[in-house]
Amino acid sequence: MLPPRKVKFEAQKRWNENIEFRIYLKCNADEKELDEQFKSLHRELFAEYDCSRCRNCCKMYHGVIPEADLERDAKQLGMSAEAFLDTYLEKQADEEGYQTRHKPCDFLEKDGSCKLGDCKPENCVKYPYTDQPDRIGSLYSILDNVEVCPVVFEIYERLKKEYRFR
């Protein structure tokens, strides 16, 4: 598997090929079979991968906190909801929630853990979504994740081999 620092570079070198493979999957893959392939590779690769040693996702994206989680997350950090908002978050224009003020995510600790601990937002817990249904409908977002996550990069490369692409 690629080291986290090389993922974006290697993915960008393969950008055209990855786009072509996305089109190939969209036109040729069976939706249910593709979901199972993603899910199987997700389980296999993440079973052996220590995300805390990478955290590219936390470094390259803003964290997103749903409005419903504000009180719980503030309490986790021993703060009032107002102080939590003022310190860490800003309103997202197009969504019902807030994003962290900075990248890397304001909740990322030096050791790769999250300040929010078990209160980590669901979107963070589920990232990179490779074990979720309807992968054929989200292949563009998968391409974004290929540039961020070494495991997603590896999943995509293995799928190319499985489909004998190129």
N, C-alpha and C. Protein backbone atom coordinates (compact mmCIF):
# COMPACT_ATOMS: atom_id res chain seq x y z
N MET A 1 0.85 -1.18 0.00
CA MET A 1 0.00 0.00 0.00
C MET A 1 0.89 1.24 0.00
N LEU A 2 0.43 2.26 -0.70
CA LEU A 2 1.20 3.50 -0.78
C LEU A 2 1.27 4.20 0.58
N PRO A 3 2.40 4.86 0.85
CA PRO A 3 2.45 5.71 2.04
C PRO A 3 1.50 6.90 1.85
N PRO A 4 0.89 7.37 2.92
CA PRO A 4 -0.08 8.48 2.81
C PRO A 4 0.44 9.70 2.05
N ARG A 5 1.71 10.01 2.21
CA ARG A 5 2.26 11.22 1.57
C ARG A 5 2.34 11.10 0.04
N LYS A 6 2.25 9.87 -0.50
CA LYS A 6 2.37 9.67 -1.95
C LYS A 6 1.03 9.48 -2.66
N VAL A 7 -0.03 9.35 -1.91
CA VAL A 7 -1.32 9.00 -2.50
C VAL A 7 -1.80 10.04 -3.51
N LYS A 8 -1.81 11.29 -3.13
CA LYS A 8 -2.32 12.33 -4.03
C LYS A 8 -1.51 12.39 -5.32
N PHE A 9 -0.20 12.35 -5.21
CA PHE A 9 0.67 12.40 -6.37
C PHE A 9 0.40 11.24 -7.32
N GLU A 10 0.35 10.02 -6.77
CA GLU A 10 0.12 8.84 -7.60
C GLU A 10 -1.28 8.83 -8.22
N ALA A 11 -2.26 9.28 -7.46
CA ALA A 11 -3.63 9.35 -7.99
C ALA A 11 -3.73 10.37 -9.12
N GLN A 12 -3.05 11.48 -8.97
CA GLN A 12 -3.09 12.50 -10.02
C GLN A 12 -2.40 12.02 -11.29
N LYS A 13 -1.35 11.21 -11.15
CA LYS A 13 -0.69 10.62 -12.32
C LYS A 13 -1.64 9.70 -13.08
N ARG A 14 -2.59 9.09 -12.35
CA ARG A 14 -3.52 8.14 -12.95
C ARG A 14 -4.90 8.76 -13.21
N TRP A 15 -5.01 10.08 -13.12
CA TRP A 15 -6.31 10.74 -13.19
C TRP A 15 -7.10 10.32 -14.44
N ASN A 16 -6.50 10.42 -15.61
CA ASN A 16 -7.22 10.08 -16.85
C ASN A 16 -7.64 8.61 -16.85
N GLU A 17 -6.74 7.73 -16.45
CA GLU A 17 -7.06 6.31 -16.37
C GLU A 17 -8.19 6.06 -15.38
N ASN A 18 -8.15 6.75 -14.23
CA ASN A 18 -9.20 6.58 -13.22
C ASN A 18 -10.55 7.05 -13.72
N ILE A 19 -10.56 8.13 -14.46
CA ILE A 19 -11.81 8.62 -15.06
C ILE A 19 -12.34 7.59 -16.06
N GLU A 20 -11.46 7.07 -16.88
CA GLU A 20 -11.88 6.06 -17.87
C GLU A 20 -12.41 4.81 -17.17
N PHE A 21 -11.77 4.41 -16.07
CA PHE A 21 -12.25 3.24 -15.34
C PHE A 21 -13.60 3.52 -14.70
N ARG A 22 -13.80 4.72 -14.22
CA ARG A 22 -15.10 5.10 -13.66
C ARG A 22 -16.19 4.95 -14.72
N ILE A 23 -15.91 5.43 -15.94
CA ILE A 23 -16.87 5.31 -17.04
C ILE A 23 -17.10 3.84 -17.36
N TYR A 24 -16.03 3.07 -17.39
CA TYR A 24 -16.14 1.63 -17.66
C TYR A 24 -17.06 0.96 -16.62
N LEU A 25 -16.82 1.26 -15.34
CA LEU A 25 -17.66 0.67 -14.30
C LEU A 25 -19.11 1.08 -14.46
N LYS A 26 -19.33 2.36 -14.71
CA LYS A 26 -20.68 2.89 -14.85
C LYS A 26 -21.45 2.16 -15.95
N CYS A 27 -20.74 1.82 -17.02
CA CYS A 27 -21.39 1.19 -18.18
C CYS A 27 -21.42 -0.33 -18.12
N ASN A 28 -20.53 -0.94 -17.33
CA ASN A 28 -20.37 -2.39 -17.41
C ASN A 28 -20.56 -3.15 -16.10
N ALA A 29 -20.39 -2.51 -14.98
CA ALA A 29 -20.44 -3.24 -13.71
C ALA A 29 -21.88 -3.49 -13.28
N ASP A 30 -22.10 -4.63 -12.66
CA ASP A 30 -23.37 -4.92 -12.01
C ASP A 30 -23.37 -4.19 -10.66
N GLU A 31 -24.41 -3.42 -10.41
CA GLU A 31 -24.46 -2.56 -9.22
C GLU A 31 -24.27 -3.35 -7.93
N LYS A 32 -24.98 -4.45 -7.77
CA LYS A 32 -24.88 -5.22 -6.53
C LYS A 32 -23.52 -5.89 -6.39
N GLU A 33 -23.01 -6.40 -7.49
CA GLU A 33 -21.69 -7.04 -7.47
C GLU A 33 -20.61 -6.02 -7.13
N LEU A 34 -20.71 -4.83 -7.70
CA LEU A 34 -19.73 -3.78 -7.42
C LEU A 34 -19.76 -3.39 -5.94
N ASP A 35 -20.96 -3.26 -5.37
CA ASP A 35 -21.08 -2.96 -3.94
C ASP A 35 -20.38 -4.04 -3.11
N GLU A 36 -20.59 -5.29 -3.48
CA GLU A 36 -19.95 -6.40 -2.75
C GLU A 36 -18.43 -6.37 -2.91
N GLN A 37 -17.97 -6.04 -4.10
CA GLN A 37 -16.52 -5.95 -4.32
C GLN A 37 -15.91 -4.84 -3.47
N PHE A 38 -16.54 -3.68 -3.47
CA PHE A 38 -16.06 -2.58 -2.64
C PHE A 38 -16.07 -2.99 -1.16
N LYS A 39 -17.17 -3.54 -0.71
CA LYS A 39 -17.32 -3.92 0.69
C LYS A 39 -16.27 -4.96 1.11
N SER A 40 -16.05 -5.94 0.26
CA SER A 40 -15.08 -6.99 0.56
C SER A 40 -13.66 -6.43 0.65
N LEU A 41 -13.29 -5.61 -0.33
CA LEU A 41 -11.96 -5.00 -0.30
C LEU A 41 -11.82 -4.04 0.88
N HIS A 42 -12.88 -3.31 1.18
CA HIS A 42 -12.88 -2.40 2.33
C HIS A 42 -12.55 -3.18 3.61
N ARG A 43 -13.28 -4.27 3.84
CA ARG A 43 -13.07 -5.08 5.05
C ARG A 43 -11.64 -5.63 5.10
N GLU A 44 -11.21 -6.20 3.99
CA GLU A 44 -9.88 -6.81 3.94
C GLU A 44 -8.77 -5.79 4.23
N LEU A 45 -8.82 -4.66 3.55
CA LEU A 45 -7.72 -3.69 3.65
C LEU A 45 -7.76 -2.89 4.95
N PHE A 46 -8.94 -2.51 5.40
CA PHE A 46 -9.00 -1.75 6.65
C PHE A 46 -8.72 -2.62 7.87
N ALA A 47 -8.89 -3.93 7.76
CA ALA A 47 -8.57 -4.83 8.87
C ALA A 47 -7.08 -4.75 9.21
N GLU A 48 -6.26 -4.42 8.22
CA GLU A 48 -4.81 -4.37 8.41
C GLU A 48 -4.25 -2.95 8.45
N TYR A 49 -5.11 -1.95 8.33
CA TYR A 49 -4.62 -0.57 8.19
C TYR A 49 -4.88 0.24 9.45
N ASP A 50 -3.87 0.95 9.90
CA ASP A 50 -3.98 1.82 11.08
C ASP A 50 -4.20 3.26 10.61
N CYS A 51 -5.46 3.66 10.57
CA CYS A 51 -5.80 5.01 10.08
C CYS A 51 -5.12 6.12 10.89
N SER A 52 -4.87 5.89 12.15
CA SER A 52 -4.28 6.95 12.98
C SER A 52 -2.86 7.29 12.54
N ARG A 53 -2.24 6.44 11.74
CA ARG A 53 -0.90 6.73 11.23
C ARG A 53 -0.94 7.52 9.93
N CYS A 54 -2.13 7.75 9.41
CA CYS A 54 -2.30 8.47 8.15
C CYS A 54 -3.06 9.77 8.40
N ARG A 55 -4.34 9.65 8.57
CA ARG A 55 -5.26 10.77 8.80
C ARG A 55 -5.25 11.81 7.68
N ASN A 56 -4.94 11.37 6.44
CA ASN A 56 -5.05 12.29 5.31
C ASN A 56 -6.43 12.91 5.25
N CYS A 57 -7.46 12.11 5.55
CA CYS A 57 -8.83 12.63 5.48
C CYS A 57 -9.00 13.81 6.44
N CYS A 58 -8.45 13.69 7.62
CA CYS A 58 -8.55 14.77 8.62
C CYS A 58 -7.67 15.96 8.24
N LYS A 59 -6.60 15.69 7.52
CA LYS A 59 -5.67 16.75 7.12
C LYS A 59 -6.17 17.52 5.89
N MET A 60 -6.91 16.84 5.03
CA MET A 60 -7.27 17.44 3.74
C MET A 60 -8.71 17.92 3.64
N TYR A 61 -9.53 17.57 4.64
CA TYR A 61 -10.93 17.99 4.64
C TYR A 61 -11.25 18.75 5.92
N HIS A 62 -12.28 19.58 5.83
CA HIS A 62 -12.86 20.17 7.03
C HIS A 62 -13.69 19.10 7.71
N GLY A 63 -13.70 19.10 9.03
CA GLY A 63 -14.64 18.25 9.74
C GLY A 63 -16.03 18.86 9.62
N VAL A 64 -17.05 18.02 9.63
CA VAL A 64 -18.43 18.51 9.52
C VAL A 64 -19.22 17.99 10.71
N ILE A 65 -19.83 18.91 11.44
CA ILE A 65 -20.61 18.58 12.63
C ILE A 65 -22.07 18.91 12.38
N PRO A 66 -22.94 17.90 12.42
CA PRO A 66 -24.37 18.18 12.28
C PRO A 66 -24.87 19.00 13.47
N GLU A 67 -25.83 19.85 13.22
CA GLU A 67 -26.39 20.70 14.27
C GLU A 67 -26.87 19.88 15.46
N ALA A 68 -27.44 18.71 15.19
CA ALA A 68 -27.97 17.85 16.25
C ALA A 68 -26.88 17.35 17.20
N ASP A 69 -25.62 17.38 16.78
CA ASP A 69 -24.52 16.87 17.60
C ASP A 69 -23.80 17.95 18.42
N LEU A 70 -24.18 19.21 18.26
CA LEU A 70 -23.45 20.30 18.91
C LEU A 70 -23.35 20.15 20.42
N GLU A 71 -24.47 19.95 21.07
CA GLU A 71 -24.48 19.85 22.54
C GLU A 71 -23.61 18.68 23.02
N ARG A 72 -23.80 17.53 22.38
CA ARG A 72 -23.04 16.33 22.76
C ARG A 72 -21.54 16.54 22.59
N ASP A 73 -21.14 17.11 21.45
CA ASP A 73 -19.73 17.31 21.16
C ASP A 73 -19.12 18.36 22.08
N ALA A 74 -19.87 19.41 22.35
CA ALA A 74 -19.38 20.44 23.27
C ALA A 74 -19.16 19.84 24.66
N LYS A 75 -20.11 19.04 25.10
CA LYS A 75 -19.99 18.38 26.40
C LYS A 75 -18.76 17.47 26.45
N GLN A 76 -18.49 16.76 25.34
CA GLN A 76 -17.32 15.89 25.25
C GLN A 76 -16.03 16.67 25.51
N LEU A 77 -16.01 17.93 25.08
CA LEU A 77 -14.83 18.77 25.26
C LEU A 77 -14.92 19.67 26.49
N GLY A 78 -15.98 19.49 27.28
CA GLY A 78 -16.14 20.28 28.50
C GLY A 78 -16.42 21.74 28.25
N MET A 79 -17.19 22.01 27.19
CA MET A 79 -17.47 23.39 26.80
C MET A 79 -18.98 23.58 26.66
N SER A 80 -19.39 24.83 26.66
CA SER A 80 -20.77 25.14 26.31
C SER A 80 -20.88 25.03 24.78
N ALA A 81 -22.10 24.84 24.30
CA ALA A 81 -22.32 24.76 22.85
C ALA A 81 -21.86 26.06 22.17
N GLU A 82 -22.12 27.18 22.84
CA GLU A 82 -21.73 28.47 22.27
C GLU A 82 -20.21 28.59 22.16
N ALA A 83 -19.50 28.21 23.21
CA ALA A 83 -18.03 28.26 23.19
C ALA A 83 -17.47 27.30 22.14
N PHE A 84 -18.09 26.13 22.02
CA PHE A 84 -17.68 25.12 21.04
C PHE A 84 -17.80 25.70 19.63
N LEU A 85 -18.95 26.32 19.35
CA LEU A 85 -19.17 26.96 18.05
C LEU A 85 -18.15 28.05 17.79
N ASP A 86 -17.98 28.94 18.75
CA ASP A 86 -17.06 30.07 18.59
C ASP A 86 -15.62 29.62 18.39
N THR A 87 -15.24 28.55 19.05
CA THR A 87 -13.85 28.09 19.01
C THR A 87 -13.53 27.30 17.75
N TYR A 88 -14.43 26.42 17.35
CA TYR A 88 -14.08 25.44 16.32
C TYR A 88 -14.84 25.52 15.00
N LEU A 89 -16.03 26.09 14.99
CA LEU A 89 -16.91 25.87 13.84
C LEU A 89 -17.37 27.13 13.15
N GLU A 90 -17.81 26.95 11.91
CA GLU A 90 -18.50 28.00 11.16
C GLU A 90 -19.65 27.35 10.41
N LYS A 91 -20.70 28.10 10.20
CA LYS A 91 -21.91 27.59 9.55
C LYS A 91 -21.62 27.26 8.09
N GLN A 92 -22.12 26.12 7.64
CA GLN A 92 -22.02 25.76 6.23
C GLN A 92 -23.17 26.43 5.50
N ALA A 93 -22.89 27.04 4.40
CA ALA A 93 -23.91 27.78 3.67
C ALA A 93 -24.99 26.88 3.10
N ASP A 94 -24.63 25.69 2.65
CA ASP A 94 -25.59 24.86 1.93
C ASP A 94 -26.08 23.64 2.72
N GLU A 95 -25.76 23.54 3.99
CA GLU A 95 -26.11 22.34 4.75
C GLU A 95 -26.64 22.70 6.13
N GLU A 96 -27.24 21.71 6.76
CA GLU A 96 -27.72 21.89 8.13
C GLU A 96 -26.64 21.40 9.09
N GLY A 97 -25.65 22.22 9.26
CA GLY A 97 -24.56 21.83 10.14
C GLY A 97 -23.44 22.84 10.06
N TYR A 98 -22.31 22.44 10.59
CA TYR A 98 -21.16 23.32 10.71
C TYR A 98 -19.92 22.58 10.24
N GLN A 99 -18.94 23.35 9.78
CA GLN A 99 -17.67 22.75 9.45
C GLN A 99 -16.59 23.37 10.31
N THR A 100 -15.51 22.64 10.47
CA THR A 100 -14.39 23.17 11.25
C THR A 100 -13.82 24.38 10.52
N ARG A 101 -13.26 25.26 11.29
CA ARG A 101 -12.71 26.48 10.72
C ARG A 101 -11.46 26.23 9.88
N HIS A 102 -10.77 25.15 10.16
CA HIS A 102 -9.46 24.94 9.54
C HIS A 102 -9.30 23.56 8.93
N LYS A 103 -8.32 23.47 8.06
CA LYS A 103 -7.78 22.20 7.58
C LYS A 103 -6.32 22.23 7.97
N PRO A 104 -5.77 21.24 8.57
CA PRO A 104 -6.40 20.01 9.02
C PRO A 104 -7.54 20.28 10.00
N CYS A 105 -8.38 19.28 10.15
CA CYS A 105 -9.53 19.37 11.03
C CYS A 105 -9.08 19.83 12.42
N ASP A 106 -9.84 20.73 13.00
CA ASP A 106 -9.51 21.27 14.33
C ASP A 106 -9.54 20.21 15.42
N PHE A 107 -10.13 19.07 15.17
CA PHE A 107 -10.23 18.03 16.19
C PHE A 107 -9.13 16.97 16.07
N LEU A 108 -8.27 17.09 15.08
CA LEU A 108 -7.19 16.13 14.88
C LEU A 108 -6.07 16.40 15.90
N GLU A 109 -5.74 15.37 16.66
CA GLU A 109 -4.65 15.45 17.64
C GLU A 109 -3.34 15.04 16.97
N LYS A 110 -2.22 15.41 17.56
CA LYS A 110 -0.91 15.08 17.01
C LYS A 110 -0.69 13.57 16.86
N ASP A 111 -1.29 12.78 17.75
CA ASP A 111 -1.11 11.33 17.70
C ASP A 111 -2.07 10.64 16.71
N GLY A 112 -2.86 11.43 15.97
CA GLY A 112 -3.79 10.87 14.99
C GLY A 112 -5.16 10.57 15.53
N SER A 113 -5.36 10.80 16.82
CA SER A 113 -6.69 10.57 17.40
C SER A 113 -7.56 11.81 17.20
N CYS A 114 -8.82 11.67 17.53
CA CYS A 114 -9.79 12.75 17.39
C CYS A 114 -10.15 13.28 18.78
N LYS A 115 -10.14 14.58 18.95
CA LYS A 115 -10.53 15.18 20.23
C LYS A 115 -11.93 14.78 20.64
N LEU A 116 -12.76 14.47 19.65
CA LEU A 116 -14.16 14.14 19.94
C LEU A 116 -14.35 12.69 20.37
N GLY A 117 -13.31 11.88 20.26
CA GLY A 117 -13.37 10.49 20.71
C GLY A 117 -14.57 9.75 20.14
N ASP A 118 -15.35 9.13 21.02
CA ASP A 118 -16.53 8.37 20.59
C ASP A 118 -17.65 9.25 20.04
N CYS A 119 -17.51 10.55 20.16
CA CYS A 119 -18.51 11.48 19.63
C CYS A 119 -18.18 11.93 18.21
N LYS A 120 -17.19 11.30 17.61
CA LYS A 120 -16.80 11.64 16.25
C LYS A 120 -18.03 11.59 15.35
N PRO A 121 -18.20 12.58 14.45
CA PRO A 121 -19.38 12.63 13.58
C PRO A 121 -19.50 11.38 12.71
N GLU A 122 -20.72 11.02 12.39
CA GLU A 122 -21.00 9.83 11.59
C GLU A 122 -20.29 9.89 10.23
N ASN A 123 -20.23 11.08 9.63
CA ASN A 123 -19.56 11.19 8.33
C ASN A 123 -18.08 10.86 8.44
N CYS A 124 -17.46 11.14 9.57
CA CYS A 124 -16.06 10.77 9.79
C CYS A 124 -15.92 9.27 10.03
N VAL A 125 -16.83 8.73 10.81
CA VAL A 125 -16.79 7.29 11.11
C VAL A 125 -16.95 6.48 9.82
N LYS A 126 -17.83 6.92 8.93
CA LYS A 126 -18.11 6.17 7.71
C LYS A 126 -17.10 6.40 6.58
N TYR A 127 -16.32 7.47 6.68
CA TYR A 127 -15.34 7.76 5.63
C TYR A 127 -14.41 6.57 5.47
N PRO A 128 -14.13 6.17 4.28
CA PRO A 128 -14.32 6.74 2.95
C PRO A 128 -15.55 6.20 2.21
N TYR A 129 -16.48 5.61 2.93
CA TYR A 129 -17.77 5.16 2.39
C TYR A 129 -17.66 3.98 1.42
N THR A 130 -16.53 3.33 1.36
CA THR A 130 -16.34 2.23 0.42
C THR A 130 -17.08 0.96 0.83
N ASP A 131 -17.64 0.94 2.02
CA ASP A 131 -18.45 -0.22 2.44
C ASP A 131 -19.94 0.11 2.44
N GLN A 132 -20.30 1.25 1.89
CA GLN A 132 -21.69 1.69 1.85
C GLN A 132 -22.33 1.27 0.53
N PRO A 133 -23.66 1.16 0.49
CA PRO A 133 -24.34 0.80 -0.76
C PRO A 133 -24.28 1.91 -1.81
N ASP A 134 -24.62 1.55 -3.04
CA ASP A 134 -24.71 2.46 -4.18
C ASP A 134 -23.37 3.08 -4.57
N ARG A 135 -22.34 2.27 -4.62
CA ARG A 135 -21.03 2.76 -5.05
C ARG A 135 -21.07 3.19 -6.51
N ILE A 136 -21.86 2.54 -7.32
CA ILE A 136 -21.93 2.92 -8.73
C ILE A 136 -22.47 4.34 -8.90
N GLY A 137 -23.31 4.76 -7.97
CA GLY A 137 -23.87 6.11 -8.02
C GLY A 137 -22.96 7.17 -7.42
N SER A 138 -21.86 6.75 -6.80
CA SER A 138 -20.98 7.73 -6.16
C SER A 138 -19.54 7.58 -6.62
N LEU A 139 -19.36 7.16 -7.85
CA LEU A 139 -18.00 6.93 -8.34
C LEU A 139 -17.19 8.21 -8.48
N TYR A 140 -17.84 9.35 -8.69
CA TYR A 140 -17.08 10.60 -8.71
C TYR A 140 -16.50 10.92 -7.34
N SER A 141 -17.27 10.73 -6.29
CA SER A 141 -16.73 10.99 -4.94
C SER A 141 -15.66 9.97 -4.58
N ILE A 142 -15.78 8.75 -5.10
CA ILE A 142 -14.74 7.75 -4.89
C ILE A 142 -13.43 8.26 -5.50
N LEU A 143 -13.51 8.88 -6.68
CA LEU A 143 -12.31 9.42 -7.31
C LEU A 143 -11.64 10.47 -6.43
N ASP A 144 -12.43 11.30 -5.77
CA ASP A 144 -11.86 12.26 -4.82
C ASP A 144 -11.14 11.54 -3.69
N ASN A 145 -11.76 10.49 -3.19
CA ASN A 145 -11.19 9.74 -2.07
C ASN A 145 -9.94 8.97 -2.46
N VAL A 146 -9.83 8.59 -3.73
CA VAL A 146 -8.62 7.92 -4.23
C VAL A 146 -7.40 8.81 -4.03
N GLU A 147 -7.59 10.14 -4.10
CA GLU A 147 -6.49 11.08 -3.92
C GLU A 147 -6.14 11.34 -2.46
N VAL A 148 -6.97 10.85 -1.55
CA VAL A 148 -6.79 11.15 -0.14
C VAL A 148 -6.39 9.92 0.67
N CYS A 149 -7.09 8.84 0.45
CA CYS A 149 -6.97 7.66 1.30
C CYS A 149 -6.16 6.55 0.63
N PRO A 150 -5.07 6.10 1.25
CA PRO A 150 -4.29 5.01 0.66
C PRO A 150 -5.11 3.74 0.45
N VAL A 151 -6.06 3.47 1.33
CA VAL A 151 -6.88 2.27 1.19
C VAL A 151 -7.80 2.39 -0.02
N VAL A 152 -8.41 3.53 -0.23
CA VAL A 152 -9.29 3.72 -1.39
C VAL A 152 -8.46 3.64 -2.67
N PHE A 153 -7.28 4.23 -2.66
CA PHE A 153 -6.39 4.12 -3.81
C PHE A 153 -6.16 2.65 -4.13
N GLU A 154 -5.86 1.84 -3.12
CA GLU A 154 -5.60 0.41 -3.30
C GLU A 154 -6.85 -0.33 -3.77
N ILE A 155 -7.99 0.00 -3.21
CA ILE A 155 -9.25 -0.63 -3.64
C ILE A 155 -9.46 -0.38 -5.13
N TYR A 156 -9.29 0.85 -5.55
CA TYR A 156 -9.52 1.20 -6.95
C TYR A 156 -8.54 0.47 -7.86
N GLU A 157 -7.28 0.39 -7.45
CA GLU A 157 -6.27 -0.32 -8.25
C GLU A 157 -6.60 -1.81 -8.33
N ARG A 158 -7.04 -2.40 -7.25
CA ARG A 158 -7.40 -3.82 -7.26
C ARG A 158 -8.63 -4.09 -8.12
N LEU A 159 -9.57 -3.15 -8.09
CA LEU A 159 -10.75 -3.30 -8.95
C LEU A 159 -10.36 -3.25 -10.43
N LYS A 160 -9.40 -2.41 -10.77
CA LYS A 160 -8.93 -2.36 -12.15
C LYS A 160 -8.40 -3.73 -12.57
N LYS A 161 -7.65 -4.37 -11.69
CA LYS A 161 -7.11 -5.70 -12.00
C LYS A 161 -8.24 -6.73 -12.09
N GLU A 162 -9.18 -6.64 -11.15
CA GLU A 162 -10.28 -7.59 -11.14
C GLU A 162 -11.12 -7.51 -12.41
N TYR A 163 -11.29 -6.29 -12.92
CA TYR A 163 -12.05 -6.09 -14.16
C TYR A 163 -11.18 -6.19 -15.40
N ARG A 164 -9.91 -6.49 -15.20
CA ARG A 164 -8.93 -6.58 -16.29
C ARG A 164 -8.98 -5.31 -17.15
N PHE A 165 -9.01 -4.20 -16.45
CA PHE A 165 -9.05 -2.90 -17.12
C PHE A 165 -7.65 -2.54 -17.58
N ARG A 166 -7.48 -2.39 -18.86
CA ARG A 166 -6.21 -2.09 -19.52
C ARG A 166 -5.35 -3.30 -19.59
